[in-house]
Amino acid sequence: MGKRKRANYTAEFKARVCIEAIKEELTLSELAAKYEVHSNLISKWKKEFLERAGEIFKEPKQKKETDNSKLYQQIGELKVENDWIKKKLGILERM
């Protein structure tokens, strides 16, 4: 017998299963049968989902600060280029 390949599930799939588990409209056994995943795995995903749910609301603020610093850097570079172009155009107009 060969080794059984380990299943890899996407984050979207895990989230969908977790949300259904949180709703509690189906039992873990019913969800396991529906998605062909072991009920222990669903429990593990649900626990991790609930523990890390708060991170979702923290992340955009940190990312926004990083994006702003990149934008300020680009603005500075564009201003320098714009000033250089204006200077060169001034020289050409005098000729």
PDB file of N, CA and C in Angstrom:
ATOM      1  N   MET A   1       0.830  -1.178   0.000  1.00  0.00           N
ATOM      2  CA  MET A   1       0.000   0.000   0.000  1.00  0.00           C
ATOM      3  C   MET A   1       0.878   1.245   0.000  1.00  0.00           C
ATOM      4  N   GLY A   2       0.460   2.277  -0.782  1.00  0.00           N
ATOM      5  CA  GLY A   2       1.181   3.541  -0.817  1.00  0.00           C
ATOM      6  C   GLY A   2       0.700   4.459   0.288  1.00  0.00           C
ATOM      7  N   LYS A   3       1.473   5.471   0.493  1.00  0.00           N
ATOM      8  CA  LYS A   3       1.079   6.451   1.497  1.00  0.00           C
ATOM      9  C   LYS A   3      -0.105   7.257   0.988  1.00  0.00           C
ATOM     10  N   ARG A   4      -0.985   7.574   1.895  1.00  0.00           N
ATOM     11  CA  ARG A   4      -2.146   8.387   1.558  1.00  0.00           C
ATOM     12  C   ARG A   4      -1.719   9.855   1.548  1.00  0.00           C
ATOM     13  N   LYS A   5      -2.073  10.580   0.505  1.00  0.00           N
ATOM     14  CA  LYS A   5      -1.701  11.979   0.376  1.00  0.00           C
ATOM     15  C   LYS A   5      -2.489  12.821   1.366  1.00  0.00           C
ATOM     16  N   ARG A   6      -1.807  13.717   2.033  1.00  0.00           N
ATOM     17  CA  ARG A   6      -2.431  14.603   3.009  1.00  0.00           C
ATOM     18  C   ARG A   6      -3.225  15.675   2.265  1.00  0.00           C
ATOM     19  N   ALA A   7      -4.438  15.899   2.699  1.00  0.00           N
ATOM     20  CA  ALA A   7      -5.299  16.881   2.055  1.00  0.00           C
ATOM     21  C   ALA A   7      -4.901  18.291   2.470  1.00  0.00           C
ATOM     22  N   ASN A   8      -4.903  19.192   1.504  1.00  0.00           N
ATOM     23  CA  ASN A   8      -4.658  20.607   1.773  1.00  0.00           C
ATOM     24  C   ASN A   8      -5.940  21.364   1.486  1.00  0.00           C
ATOM     25  N   TYR A   9      -6.406  22.114   2.458  1.00  0.00           N
ATOM     26  CA  TYR A   9      -7.644  22.863   2.314  1.00  0.00           C
ATOM     27  C   TYR A   9      -7.330  24.353   2.224  1.00  0.00           C
ATOM     28  N   THR A  10      -8.045  25.049   1.376  1.00  0.00           N
ATOM     29  CA  THR A  10      -7.835  26.484   1.236  1.00  0.00           C
ATOM     30  C   THR A  10      -8.375  27.216   2.459  1.00  0.00           C
ATOM     31  N   ALA A  11      -7.886  28.422   2.642  1.00  0.00           N
ATOM     32  CA  ALA A  11      -8.354  29.254   3.755  1.00  0.00           C
ATOM     33  C   ALA A  11      -9.848  29.543   3.595  1.00  0.00           C
ATOM     34  N   GLU A  12     -10.289  29.739   2.358  1.00  0.00           N
ATOM     35  CA  GLU A  12     -11.701  30.025   2.113  1.00  0.00           C
ATOM     36  C   GLU A  12     -12.582  28.844   2.505  1.00  0.00           C
ATOM     37  N   PHE A  13     -12.120  27.638   2.184  1.00  0.00           N
ATOM     38  CA  PHE A  13     -12.868  26.435   2.540  1.00  0.00           C
ATOM     39  C   PHE A  13     -12.962  26.303   4.060  1.00  0.00           C
ATOM     40  N   LYS A  14     -11.831  26.482   4.739  1.00  0.00           N
ATOM     41  CA  LYS A  14     -11.809  26.372   6.195  1.00  0.00           C
ATOM     42  C   LYS A  14     -12.747  27.399   6.824  1.00  0.00           C
ATOM     43  N   ALA A  15     -12.717  28.632   6.305  1.00  0.00           N
ATOM     44  CA  ALA A  15     -13.573  29.687   6.849  1.00  0.00           C
ATOM     45  C   ALA A  15     -15.039  29.339   6.659  1.00  0.00           C
ATOM     46  N   ARG A  16     -15.391  28.824   5.495  1.00  0.00           N
ATOM     47  CA  ARG A  16     -16.787  28.448   5.222  1.00  0.00           C
ATOM     48  C   ARG A  16     -17.246  27.370   6.196  1.00  0.00           C
ATOM     49  N   VAL A  17     -16.408  26.359   6.414  1.00  0.00           N
ATOM     50  CA  VAL A  17     -16.751  25.267   7.336  1.00  0.00           C
ATOM     51  C   VAL A  17     -16.863  25.813   8.763  1.00  0.00           C
ATOM     52  N   CYS A  18     -15.926  26.688   9.151  1.00  0.00           N
ATOM     53  CA  CYS A  18     -15.953  27.273  10.501  1.00  0.00           C
ATOM     54  C   CYS A  18     -17.216  28.083  10.739  1.00  0.00           C
ATOM     55  N   ILE A  19     -17.596  28.870   9.762  1.00  0.00           N
ATOM     56  CA  ILE A  19     -18.795  29.694   9.911  1.00  0.00           C
ATOM     57  C   ILE A  19     -20.025  28.818  10.084  1.00  0.00           C
ATOM     58  N   GLU A  20     -20.096  27.749   9.323  1.00  0.00           N
ATOM     59  CA  GLU A  20     -21.222  26.822   9.489  1.00  0.00           C
ATOM     60  C   GLU A  20     -21.190  26.160  10.859  1.00  0.00           C
ATOM     61  N   ALA A  21     -19.989  25.831  11.336  1.00  0.00           N
ATOM     62  CA  ALA A  21     -19.867  25.207  12.656  1.00  0.00           C
ATOM     63  C   ALA A  21     -20.301  26.183  13.748  1.00  0.00           C
ATOM     64  N   ILE A  22     -19.966  27.456  13.589  1.00  0.00           N
ATOM     65  CA  ILE A  22     -20.347  28.475  14.573  1.00  0.00           C
ATOM     66  C   ILE A  22     -21.858  28.676  14.585  1.00  0.00           C
ATOM     67  N   LYS A  23     -22.479  28.597  13.422  1.00  0.00           N
ATOM     68  CA  LYS A  23     -23.934  28.765  13.335  1.00  0.00           C
ATOM     69  C   LYS A  23     -24.664  27.664  14.095  1.00  0.00           C
ATOM     70  N   GLU A  24     -24.054  26.493  14.177  1.00  0.00           N
ATOM     71  CA  GLU A  24     -24.604  25.327  14.873  1.00  0.00           C
ATOM     72  C   GLU A  24     -25.958  24.881  14.322  1.00  0.00           C
ATOM     73  N   GLU A  25     -26.137  25.052  13.016  1.00  0.00           N
ATOM     74  CA  GLU A  25     -27.360  24.541  12.375  1.00  0.00           C
ATOM     75  C   GLU A  25     -27.235  23.041  12.100  1.00  0.00           C
ATOM     76  N   LEU A  26     -25.986  22.578  11.956  1.00  0.00           N
ATOM     77  CA  LEU A  26     -25.704  21.157  11.768  1.00  0.00           C
ATOM     78  C   LEU A  26     -24.739  20.717  12.864  1.00  0.00           C
ATOM     79  N   THR A  27     -24.788  19.452  13.212  1.00  0.00           N
ATOM     80  CA  THR A  27     -23.840  18.915  14.194  1.00  0.00           C
ATOM     81  C   THR A  27     -22.473  18.779  13.540  1.00  0.00           C
ATOM     82  N   LEU A  28     -21.440  18.605  14.358  1.00  0.00           N
ATOM     83  CA  LEU A  28     -20.103  18.392  13.809  1.00  0.00           C
ATOM     84  C   LEU A  28     -20.057  17.163  12.915  1.00  0.00           C
ATOM     85  N   SER A  29     -20.786  16.126  13.308  1.00  0.00           N
ATOM     86  CA  SER A  29     -20.825  14.904  12.498  1.00  0.00           C
ATOM     87  C   SER A  29     -21.457  15.167  11.141  1.00  0.00           C
ATOM     88  N   GLU A  30     -22.534  15.957  11.126  1.00  0.00           N
ATOM     89  CA  GLU A  30     -23.199  16.289   9.863  1.00  0.00           C
ATOM     90  C   GLU A  30     -22.299  17.153   8.974  1.00  0.00           C
ATOM     91  N   LEU A  31     -21.604  18.110   9.601  1.00  0.00           N
ATOM     92  CA  LEU A  31     -20.666  18.935   8.830  1.00  0.00           C
ATOM     93  C   LEU A  31     -19.519  18.095   8.282  1.00  0.00           C
ATOM     94  N   ALA A  32     -19.023  17.169   9.099  1.00  0.00           N
ATOM     95  CA  ALA A  32     -17.933  16.293   8.671  1.00  0.00           C
ATOM     96  C   ALA A  32     -18.349  15.471   7.454  1.00  0.00           C
ATOM     97  N   ALA A  33     -19.562  14.962   7.488  1.00  0.00           N
ATOM     98  CA  ALA A  33     -20.057  14.184   6.351  1.00  0.00           C
ATOM     99  C   ALA A  33     -20.278  15.086   5.136  1.00  0.00           C
ATOM    100  N   LYS A  34     -20.821  16.260   5.357  1.00  0.00           N
ATOM    101  CA  LYS A  34     -21.114  17.194   4.258  1.00  0.00           C
ATOM    102  C   LYS A  34     -19.837  17.621   3.526  1.00  0.00           C
ATOM    103  N   TYR A  35     -18.792  17.940   4.281  1.00  0.00           N
ATOM    104  CA  TYR A  35     -17.557  18.450   3.682  1.00  0.00           C
ATOM    105  C   TYR A  35     -16.454  17.404   3.559  1.00  0.00           C
ATOM    106  N   GLU A  36     -16.741  16.181   3.983  1.00  0.00           N
ATOM    107  CA  GLU A  36     -15.785  15.077   3.922  1.00  0.00           C
ATOM    108  C   GLU A  36     -14.484  15.419   4.658  1.00  0.00           C
ATOM    109  N   VAL A  37     -14.662  15.942   5.873  1.00  0.00           N
ATOM    110  CA  VAL A  37     -13.544  16.322   6.746  1.00  0.00           C
ATOM    111  C   VAL A  37     -13.841  15.730   8.120  1.00  0.00           C
ATOM    112  N   HIS A  38     -12.814  15.289   8.823  1.00  0.00           N
ATOM    113  CA  HIS A  38     -13.017  14.709  10.146  1.00  0.00           C
ATOM    114  C   HIS A  38     -13.533  15.775  11.117  1.00  0.00           C
ATOM    115  N   SER A  39     -14.431  15.393  11.994  1.00  0.00           N
ATOM    116  CA  SER A  39     -15.038  16.330  12.938  1.00  0.00           C
ATOM    117  C   SER A  39     -14.006  16.965  13.878  1.00  0.00           C
ATOM    118  N   ASN A  40     -12.947  16.210  14.217  1.00  0.00           N
ATOM    119  CA  ASN A  40     -11.888  16.787  15.064  1.00  0.00           C
ATOM    120  C   ASN A  40     -11.180  17.938  14.360  1.00  0.00           C
ATOM    121  N   LEU A  41     -11.021  17.814  13.055  1.00  0.00           N
ATOM    122  CA  LEU A  41     -10.382  18.860  12.281  1.00  0.00           C
ATOM    123  C   LEU A  41     -11.264  20.110  12.246  1.00  0.00           C
ATOM    124  N   ILE A  42     -12.556  19.914  12.102  1.00  0.00           N
ATOM    125  CA  ILE A  42     -13.491  21.037  12.121  1.00  0.00           C
ATOM    126  C   ILE A  42     -13.432  21.739  13.477  1.00  0.00           C
ATOM    127  N   SER A  43     -13.387  20.977  14.551  1.00  0.00           N
ATOM    128  CA  SER A  43     -13.277  21.560  15.891  1.00  0.00           C
ATOM    129  C   SER A  43     -11.999  22.373  16.036  1.00  0.00           C
ATOM    130  N   LYS A  44     -10.905  21.852  15.524  1.00  0.00           N
ATOM    131  CA  LYS A  44      -9.617  22.543  15.582  1.00  0.00           C
ATOM    132  C   LYS A  44      -9.682  23.854  14.799  1.00  0.00           C
ATOM    133  N   TRP A  45     -10.238  23.825  13.584  1.00  0.00           N
ATOM    134  CA  TRP A  45     -10.363  25.026  12.760  1.00  0.00           C
ATOM    135  C   TRP A  45     -11.244  26.066  13.442  1.00  0.00           C
ATOM    136  N   LYS A  46     -12.353  25.607  14.013  1.00  0.00           N
ATOM    137  CA  LYS A  46     -13.297  26.508  14.677  1.00  0.00           C
ATOM    138  C   LYS A  46     -12.620  27.205  15.851  1.00  0.00           C
ATOM    139  N   LYS A  47     -11.872  26.454  16.648  1.00  0.00           N
ATOM    140  CA  LYS A  47     -11.175  27.015  17.808  1.00  0.00           C
ATOM    141  C   LYS A  47     -10.172  28.078  17.352  1.00  0.00           C
ATOM    142  N   GLU A  48      -9.383  27.751  16.336  1.00  0.00           N
ATOM    143  CA  GLU A  48      -8.393  28.703  15.822  1.00  0.00           C
ATOM    144  C   GLU A  48      -9.069  29.938  15.222  1.00  0.00           C
ATOM    145  N   PHE A  49     -10.166  29.718  14.511  1.00  0.00           N
ATOM    146  CA  PHE A  49     -10.929  30.804  13.902  1.00  0.00           C
ATOM    147  C   PHE A  49     -11.404  31.788  14.967  1.00  0.00           C
ATOM    148  N   LEU A  50     -11.974  31.269  16.039  1.00  0.00           N
ATOM    149  CA  LEU A  50     -12.488  32.124  17.109  1.00  0.00           C
ATOM    150  C   LEU A  50     -11.366  32.818  17.881  1.00  0.00           C
ATOM    151  N   GLU A  51     -10.240  32.130  18.081  1.00  0.00           N
ATOM    152  CA  GLU A  51      -9.114  32.720  18.799  1.00  0.00           C
ATOM    153  C   GLU A  51      -8.476  33.868  18.020  1.00  0.00           C
ATOM    154  N   ARG A  52      -8.435  33.736  16.695  1.00  0.00           N
ATOM    155  CA  ARG A  52      -7.744  34.728  15.866  1.00  0.00           C
ATOM    156  C   ARG A  52      -8.678  35.733  15.206  1.00  0.00           C
ATOM    157  N   ALA A  53      -9.952  35.682  15.503  1.00  0.00           N
ATOM    158  CA  ALA A  53     -10.928  36.572  14.865  1.00  0.00           C
ATOM    159  C   ALA A  53     -10.610  38.045  15.118  1.00  0.00           C
ATOM    160  N   GLY A  54     -10.108  38.371  16.290  1.00  0.00           N
ATOM    161  CA  GLY A  54      -9.778  39.753  16.614  1.00  0.00           C
ATOM    162  C   GLY A  54      -8.669  40.333  15.752  1.00  0.00           C
ATOM    163  N   GLU A  55      -7.810  39.498  15.203  1.00  0.00           N
ATOM    164  CA  GLU A  55      -6.705  39.967  14.353  1.00  0.00           C
ATOM    165  C   GLU A  55      -7.217  40.647  13.087  1.00  0.00           C
ATOM    166  N   ILE A  56      -8.364  40.248  12.645  1.00  0.00           N
ATOM    167  CA  ILE A  56      -8.920  40.794  11.410  1.00  0.00           C
ATOM    168  C   ILE A  56      -9.101  42.293  11.529  1.00  0.00           C
ATOM    169  N   PHE A  57      -9.511  42.765  12.677  1.00  0.00           N
ATOM    170  CA  PHE A  57      -9.793  44.171  12.867  1.00  0.00           C
ATOM    171  C   PHE A  57      -8.543  44.990  13.191  1.00  0.00           C
ATOM    172  N   LYS A  58      -7.471  44.346  13.594  1.00  0.00           N
ATOM    173  CA  LYS A  58      -6.223  45.037  13.884  1.00  0.00           C
ATOM    174  C   LYS A  58      -5.403  45.250  12.622  1.00  0.00           C
ATOM    175  N   GLU A  59      -5.433  44.315  11.712  1.00  0.00           N
ATOM    176  CA  GLU A  59      -4.554  44.300  10.554  1.00  0.00           C
ATOM    177  C   GLU A  59      -4.685  45.510   9.627  1.00  0.00           C
ATOM    178  N   PRO A  60      -5.871  45.952   9.250  1.00  0.00           N
ATOM    179  CA  PRO A  60      -5.942  47.068   8.300  1.00  0.00           C
ATOM    180  C   PRO A  60      -5.266  48.342   8.804  1.00  0.00           C
ATOM    181  N   LYS A  61      -5.350  48.617  10.088  1.00  0.00           N
ATOM    182  CA  LYS A  61      -4.746  49.834  10.643  1.00  0.00           C
ATOM    183  C   LYS A  61      -3.231  49.780  10.470  1.00  0.00           C
ATOM    184  N   GLN A  62      -2.612  48.643  10.762  1.00  0.00           N
ATOM    185  CA  GLN A  62      -1.167  48.503  10.620  1.00  0.00           C
ATOM    186  C   GLN A  62      -0.773  48.595   9.146  1.00  0.00           C
ATOM    187  N   LYS A  63      -1.534  47.977   8.297  1.00  0.00           N
ATOM    188  CA  LYS A  63      -1.237  47.982   6.873  1.00  0.00           C
ATOM    189  C   LYS A  63      -1.401  49.389   6.319  1.00  0.00           C
ATOM    190  N   LYS A  64      -2.399  50.126   6.780  1.00  0.00           N
ATOM    191  CA  LYS A  64      -2.663  51.478   6.300  1.00  0.00           C
ATOM    192  C   LYS A  64      -1.478  52.390   6.610  1.00  0.00           C
ATOM    193  N   GLU A  65      -0.893  52.248   7.798  1.00  0.00           N
ATOM    194  CA  GLU A  65       0.267  53.059   8.162  1.00  0.00           C
ATOM    195  C   GLU A  65       1.424  52.787   7.219  1.00  0.00           C
ATOM    196  N   THR A  66       1.650  51.527   6.868  1.00  0.00           N
ATOM    197  CA  THR A  66       2.709  51.157   5.945  1.00  0.00           C
ATOM    198  C   THR A  66       2.423  51.724   4.568  1.00  0.00           C
ATOM    199  N   ASP A  67       1.186  51.619   4.102  1.00  0.00           N
ATOM    200  CA  ASP A  67       0.804  52.146   2.800  1.00  0.00           C
ATOM    201  C   ASP A  67       1.001  53.653   2.747  1.00  0.00           C
ATOM    202  N   ASN A  68       0.659  54.366   3.818  1.00  0.00           N
ATOM    203  CA  ASN A  68       0.825  55.816   3.847  1.00  0.00           C
ATOM    204  C   ASN A  68       2.291  56.212   3.710  1.00  0.00           C
ATOM    205  N   SER A  69       3.183  55.518   4.397  1.00  0.00           N
ATOM    206  CA  SER A  69       4.601  55.872   4.308  1.00  0.00           C
ATOM    207  C   SER A  69       5.123  55.644   2.893  1.00  0.00           C
ATOM    208  N   LYS A  70       4.659  54.599   2.227  1.00  0.00           N
ATOM    209  CA  LYS A  70       5.054  54.351   0.834  1.00  0.00           C
ATOM    210  C   LYS A  70       4.526  55.457  -0.072  1.00  0.00           C
ATOM    211  N   LEU A  71       3.295  55.883   0.175  1.00  0.00           N
ATOM    212  CA  LEU A  71       2.705  56.942  -0.637  1.00  0.00           C
ATOM    213  C   LEU A  71       3.450  58.262  -0.449  1.00  0.00           C
ATOM    214  N   TYR A  72       3.816  58.604   0.798  1.00  0.00           N
ATOM    215  CA  TYR A  72       4.581  59.830   1.046  1.00  0.00           C
ATOM    216  C   TYR A  72       5.934  59.780   0.343  1.00  0.00           C
ATOM    217  N   GLN A  73       6.546  58.617   0.332  1.00  0.00           N
ATOM    218  CA  GLN A  73       7.830  58.460  -0.354  1.00  0.00           C
ATOM    219  C   GLN A  73       7.655  58.691  -1.852  1.00  0.00           C
ATOM    220  N   GLN A  74       6.601  58.110  -2.441  1.00  0.00           N
ATOM    221  CA  GLN A  74       6.341  58.296  -3.862  1.00  0.00           C
ATOM    222  C   GLN A  74       6.039  59.758  -4.188  1.00  0.00           C
ATOM    223  N   ILE A  75       5.278  60.427  -3.314  1.00  0.00           N
ATOM    224  CA  ILE A  75       4.966  61.847  -3.522  1.00  0.00           C
ATOM    225  C   ILE A  75       6.259  62.657  -3.551  1.00  0.00           C
ATOM    226  N   GLY A  76       7.157  62.392  -2.620  1.00  0.00           N
ATOM    227  CA  GLY A  76       8.443  63.088  -2.588  1.00  0.00           C
ATOM    228  C   GLY A  76       9.238  62.876  -3.860  1.00  0.00           C
ATOM    229  N   GLU A  77       9.296  61.629  -4.330  1.00  0.00           N
ATOM    230  CA  GLU A  77      10.027  61.326  -5.561  1.00  0.00           C
ATOM    231  C   GLU A  77       9.409  62.044  -6.758  1.00  0.00           C
ATOM    232  N   LEU A  78       8.083  62.043  -6.830  1.00  0.00           N
ATOM    233  CA  LEU A  78       7.404  62.713  -7.938  1.00  0.00           C
ATOM    234  C   LEU A  78       7.612  64.220  -7.890  1.00  0.00           C
ATOM    235  N   LYS A  79       7.649  64.788  -6.693  1.00  0.00           N
ATOM    236  CA  LYS A  79       7.883  66.232  -6.556  1.00  0.00           C
ATOM    237  C   LYS A  79       9.276  66.589  -7.066  1.00  0.00           C
ATOM    238  N   VAL A  80      10.262  65.794  -6.717  1.00  0.00           N
ATOM    239  CA  VAL A  80      11.626  66.026  -7.191  1.00  0.00           C
ATOM    240  C   VAL A  80      11.668  65.941  -8.718  1.00  0.00           C
ATOM    241  N   GLU A  81      11.048  64.923  -9.291  1.00  0.00           N
ATOM    242  CA  GLU A  81      11.011  64.781 -10.747  1.00  0.00           C
ATOM    243  C   GLU A  81      10.298  65.963 -11.392  1.00  0.00           C
ATOM    244  N   ASN A  82       9.179  66.376 -10.808  1.00  0.00           N
ATOM    245  CA  ASN A  82       8.394  67.488 -11.337  1.00  0.00           C
ATOM    246  C   ASN A  82       9.212  68.787 -11.309  1.00  0.00           C
ATOM    247  N   ASP A  83       9.903  69.037 -10.208  1.00  0.00           N
ATOM    248  CA  ASP A  83      10.749  70.231 -10.102  1.00  0.00           C
ATOM    249  C   ASP A  83      11.860  70.202 -11.145  1.00  0.00           C
ATOM    250  N   TRP A  84      12.449  69.051 -11.368  1.00  0.00           N
ATOM    251  CA  TRP A  84      13.514  68.905 -12.350  1.00  0.00           C
ATOM    252  C   TRP A  84      12.990  69.198 -13.751  1.00  0.00           C
ATOM    253  N   ILE A  85      11.806  68.659 -14.067  1.00  0.00           N
ATOM    254  CA  ILE A  85      11.202  68.893 -15.385  1.00  0.00           C
ATOM    255  C   ILE A  85      10.893  70.379 -15.579  1.00  0.00           C
ATOM    256  N   LYS A  86      10.335  71.014 -14.560  1.00  0.00           N
ATOM    257  CA  LYS A  86      10.033  72.454 -14.646  1.00  0.00           C
ATOM    258  C   LYS A  86      11.308  73.253 -14.896  1.00  0.00           C
ATOM    259  N   LYS A  87      12.383  72.882 -14.213  1.00  0.00           N
ATOM    260  CA  LYS A  87      13.657  73.574 -14.382  1.00  0.00           C
ATOM    261  C   LYS A  87      14.159  73.417 -15.815  1.00  0.00           C
ATOM    262  N   LYS A  88      14.104  72.202 -16.343  1.00  0.00           N
ATOM    263  CA  LYS A  88      14.567  71.946 -17.703  1.00  0.00           C
ATOM    264  C   LYS A  88      13.695  72.673 -18.723  1.00  0.00           C
ATOM    265  N   LEU A  89      12.400  72.720 -18.503  1.00  0.00           N
ATOM    266  CA  LEU A  89      11.499  73.443 -19.413  1.00  0.00           C
ATOM    267  C   LEU A  89      11.793  74.933 -19.380  1.00  0.00           C
ATOM    268  N   GLY A  90      12.115  75.469 -18.229  1.00  0.00           N
ATOM    269  CA  GLY A  90      12.469  76.883 -18.102  1.00  0.00           C
ATOM    270  C   GLY A  90      13.698  77.209 -18.910  1.00  0.00           C
ATOM    271  N   ILE A  91      14.685  76.332 -18.874  1.00  0.00           N
ATOM    272  CA  ILE A  91      15.902  76.538 -19.643  1.00  0.00           C
ATOM    273  C   ILE A  91      15.605  76.490 -21.134  1.00  0.00           C
ATOM    274  N   LEU A  92      14.769  75.544 -21.579  1.00  0.00           N
ATOM    275  CA  LEU A  92      14.428  75.414 -22.990  1.00  0.00           C
ATOM    276  C   LEU A  92      13.633  76.611 -23.496  1.00  0.00           C
ATOM    277  N   GLU A  93      12.760  77.164 -22.665  1.00  0.00           N
ATOM    278  CA  GLU A  93      11.937  78.310 -23.079  1.00  0.00           C
ATOM    279  C   GLU A  93      12.791  79.564 -23.274  1.00  0.00           C
ATOM    280  N   ARG A  94      13.891  79.680 -22.543  1.00  0.00           N
ATOM    281  CA  ARG A  94      14.771  80.849 -22.660  1.00  0.00           C
ATOM    282  C   ARG A  94      15.603  80.810 -23.931  1.00  0.00           C
ATOM    283  N   MET A  95      15.765  79.636 -24.506  1.00  0.00           N
ATOM    284  CA  MET A  95      16.614  79.505 -25.702  1.00  0.00           C
ATOM    285  C   MET A  95      15.949  80.014 -26.922  1.00  0.00           C
TER     286      MET A  95
END
